[in-house]
Amino acid sequence: EKARNFEFKLPVDSRSRPPSA
């Protein structure tokens, strides 16, 4: 689940802010 959430947030966070990971 963590990996899935990360992949999904990657593109979204990339636009707003850097990834937490």
PDB file of N, CA and C in Angstrom:
ATOM      1  N   GLU A   1       0.848  -1.207   0.000  1.00  0.00           N
ATOM      2  CA  GLU A   1       0.000   0.000   0.000  1.00  0.00           C
ATOM      3  C   GLU A   1       0.881   1.255   0.000  1.00  0.00           C
ATOM      4  N   LYS A   2       1.945   1.214   0.756  1.00  0.00           N
ATOM      5  CA  LYS A   2       2.838   2.374   0.833  1.00  0.00           C
ATOM      6  C   LYS A   2       3.403   2.692  -0.565  1.00  0.00           C
ATOM      7  N   ALA A   3       3.865   1.677  -1.227  1.00  0.00           N
ATOM      8  CA  ALA A   3       4.453   1.888  -2.561  1.00  0.00           C
ATOM      9  C   ALA A   3       3.399   2.434  -3.526  1.00  0.00           C
ATOM     10  N   ARG A   4       2.183   1.911  -3.416  1.00  0.00           N
ATOM     11  CA  ARG A   4       1.114   2.346  -4.314  1.00  0.00           C
ATOM     12  C   ARG A   4       0.774   3.820  -4.049  1.00  0.00           C
ATOM     13  N   ASN A   5       0.682   4.153  -2.794  1.00  0.00           N
ATOM     14  CA  ASN A   5       0.356   5.529  -2.424  1.00  0.00           C
ATOM     15  C   ASN A   5       1.470   6.466  -2.900  1.00  0.00           C
ATOM     16  N   PHE A   6       2.691   6.016  -2.812  1.00  0.00           N
ATOM     17  CA  PHE A   6       3.836   6.832  -3.213  1.00  0.00           C
ATOM     18  C   PHE A   6       3.816   7.093  -4.728  1.00  0.00           C
ATOM     19  N   GLU A   7       3.543   6.017  -5.467  1.00  0.00           N
ATOM     20  CA  GLU A   7       3.507   6.157  -6.923  1.00  0.00           C
ATOM     21  C   GLU A   7       2.383   7.098  -7.354  1.00  0.00           C
ATOM     22  N   PHE A   8       1.282   7.040  -6.629  1.00  0.00           N
ATOM     23  CA  PHE A   8       0.124   7.869  -6.975  1.00  0.00           C
ATOM     24  C   PHE A   8       0.371   9.325  -6.584  1.00  0.00           C
ATOM     25  N   LYS A   9       1.071   9.506  -5.489  1.00  0.00           N
ATOM     26  CA  LYS A   9       1.341  10.878  -5.025  1.00  0.00           C
ATOM     27  C   LYS A   9       2.554  11.477  -5.733  1.00  0.00           C
ATOM     28  N   LEU A  10       3.384  10.653  -6.295  1.00  0.00           N
ATOM     29  CA  LEU A  10       4.594  11.121  -6.960  1.00  0.00           C
ATOM     30  C   LEU A  10       4.286  12.225  -7.981  1.00  0.00           C
ATOM     31  N   PRO A  11       3.470  11.926  -8.994  1.00  0.00           N
ATOM     32  CA  PRO A  11       3.157  12.934 -10.012  1.00  0.00           C
ATOM     33  C   PRO A  11       2.420  14.144  -9.433  1.00  0.00           C
ATOM     34  N   VAL A  12       1.522  13.903  -8.518  1.00  0.00           N
ATOM     35  CA  VAL A  12       0.738  14.992  -7.925  1.00  0.00           C
ATOM     36  C   VAL A  12       1.623  15.869  -7.043  1.00  0.00           C
ATOM     37  N   ASP A  13       2.429  15.227  -6.192  1.00  0.00           N
ATOM     38  CA  ASP A  13       3.309  15.990  -5.300  1.00  0.00           C
ATOM     39  C   ASP A  13       4.399  16.706  -6.094  1.00  0.00           C
ATOM     40  N   SER A  14       4.803  16.105  -7.180  1.00  0.00           N
ATOM     41  CA  SER A  14       5.869  16.689  -7.993  1.00  0.00           C
ATOM     42  C   SER A  14       5.459  18.086  -8.462  1.00  0.00           C
ATOM     43  N   ARG A  15       4.173  18.270  -8.718  1.00  0.00           N
ATOM     44  CA  ARG A  15       3.709  19.570  -9.217  1.00  0.00           C
ATOM     45  C   ARG A  15       3.556  20.561  -8.068  1.00  0.00           C
ATOM     46  N   SER A  16       3.033  20.074  -6.968  1.00  0.00           N
ATOM     47  CA  SER A  16       2.783  20.964  -5.826  1.00  0.00           C
ATOM     48  C   SER A  16       4.031  21.082  -4.964  1.00  0.00           C
ATOM     49  N   ARG A  17       4.562  19.932  -4.574  1.00  0.00           N
ATOM     50  CA  ARG A  17       5.746  19.926  -3.703  1.00  0.00           C
ATOM     51  C   ARG A  17       6.536  18.636  -3.901  1.00  0.00           C
ATOM     52  N   PRO A  18       7.796  18.602  -3.487  1.00  0.00           N
ATOM     53  CA  PRO A  18       8.635  17.409  -3.649  1.00  0.00           C
ATOM     54  C   PRO A  18       8.059  16.230  -2.876  1.00  0.00           C
ATOM     55  N   PRO A  19       8.346  15.005  -3.311  1.00  0.00           N
ATOM     56  CA  PRO A  19       7.854  13.796  -2.639  1.00  0.00           C
ATOM     57  C   PRO A  19       8.380  13.682  -1.221  1.00  0.00           C
ATOM     58  N   SER A  20       7.576  13.149  -0.327  1.00  0.00           N
ATOM     59  CA  SER A  20       8.004  12.987   1.070  1.00  0.00           C
ATOM     60  C   SER A  20       9.125  11.963   1.155  1.00  0.00           C
ATOM     61  N   ALA A  21       9.078  10.978   0.248  1.00  0.00           N
ATOM     62  CA  ALA A  21      10.107   9.931   0.277  1.00  0.00           C
ATOM     63  C   ALA A  21      11.375  10.486  -0.356  1.00  0.00           C
TER      64      ALA A  21
END
